[in-house]
Protein backbone atom coordinates (compact mmCIF):
# COMPACT_ATOMS: atom_id res chain seq x y z
CA MET A 1 14.21 5.97 -2.62
CA ALA A 2 11.09 3.83 -3.19
CA LEU A 3 10.24 0.23 -3.83
CA ASP A 4 11.18 -1.50 -6.76
CA SER A 5 9.00 -1.88 -9.80
CA PHE A 6 9.28 -5.97 -10.24
CA LEU A 7 8.41 -6.27 -6.51
CA LEU A 8 5.71 -3.97 -6.69
CA ASP A 9 4.09 -6.28 -9.39
CA LEU A 10 4.48 -9.31 -7.13
CA LEU A 11 3.14 -8.00 -4.07
CA GLU A 12 -0.92 -8.17 -3.22
CA ASP A 13 -1.78 -7.77 0.24
CA PRO A 14 -1.55 -11.04 2.60
CA ALA A 15 -5.22 -10.85 4.12
CA ASP A 16 -7.52 -10.89 0.84
CA HIS A 17 -5.08 -11.31 -1.40
CA GLY A 18 -5.63 -8.19 -3.85
CA PRO A 19 -3.65 -5.77 -5.02
CA LEU A 20 -2.74 -2.99 -3.08
CA ARG A 21 -1.99 0.75 -3.52
CA TYR A 22 1.48 1.74 -3.51
CA VAL A 23 1.88 5.88 -2.49
CA ALA A 24 5.66 6.79 -2.13
CA SER A 25 4.99 10.13 -0.35
CA LEU A 26 3.69 8.31 1.95
CA ASP A 27 5.56 4.89 2.17
CA VAL A 28 2.56 3.36 2.66
CA LEU A 29 1.07 0.34 1.22
CA TYR A 30 -3.40 0.44 1.31
CA ASN A 31 -5.73 -1.93 0.84
CA PRO A 32 -8.54 0.53 -0.27
CA ARG A 33 -10.99 -2.75 -0.02
CA THR A 34 -10.38 -3.35 3.94
CA ARG A 35 -9.22 0.16 4.79
CA ARG A 36 -6.20 -0.87 5.82
CA ALA A 37 -2.61 0.58 5.60
CA TYR A 38 1.11 -1.43 6.11
CA ALA A 39 3.87 0.87 6.47
CA VAL A 40 6.63 1.07 4.72
CA ARG A 41 10.20 1.36 6.66
CA ASP A 42 13.49 1.91 5.20
CA ASP A 43 12.47 0.73 1.82
CA ILE A 44 11.08 -2.53 3.14
CA ALA A 45 7.25 -3.17 3.07
CA VAL A 46 5.90 -4.26 6.15
CA MET A 47 3.02 -6.67 5.25
CA LEU A 48 1.83 -8.68 8.49
CA PRO A 49 -1.70 -8.18 8.90
CA GLY A 50 -1.01 -7.87 12.70
CA GLU A 51 0.87 -4.85 12.03
CA SER A 52 -1.47 -2.60 9.26
CA ARG A 53 -3.49 -0.23 10.65
CA GLU A 54 -7.12 1.24 10.11
CA VAL A 55 -7.47 3.99 7.76
CA ASP A 56 -10.23 6.99 8.12
CA ASP A 57 -12.45 8.89 4.96
CA ALA A 58 -9.85 11.70 5.42
CA GLU A 59 -7.04 9.62 4.99
CA HIS A 60 -8.50 7.38 2.20
CA GLU A 61 -9.22 10.21 0.47
CA ARG A 62 -5.91 11.64 0.70
CA ILE A 63 -4.14 8.01 -0.15
CA MET A 64 -6.22 7.04 -3.25
CA GLY A 65 -6.17 11.08 -4.90
CA ASP A 66 -1.84 11.08 -4.32
CA PRO A 67 -0.26 11.32 -7.47
CA THR A 68 2.53 9.54 -6.81
CA GLY A 69 0.67 6.70 -6.01
CA ARG A 70 0.08 3.02 -8.08
CA ASP A 71 -1.61 0.20 -8.20
CA THR A 72 0.31 -3.10 -7.41
CA GLY A 73 0.03 -6.28 -9.41
CA ARG A 74 0.70 -6.51 -12.97
CA SER A 75 -0.93 -4.10 -15.42
């Protein structure tokens, strides 16, 4: 099960308050501006800055190119 669309419309990065990229196939919420990823565990977004992790160039490309990805915030 993926994160709810209503929730995704509201989510923003807790550190810089900008939109995130949600990739359901990788269970990740990603901030391409800071290259930090937040885990999604059991359909719950772990949005604690201290729990985020740095993403390298290869993973950045994989996340941004994943067809299951969508941006958070209202479109």
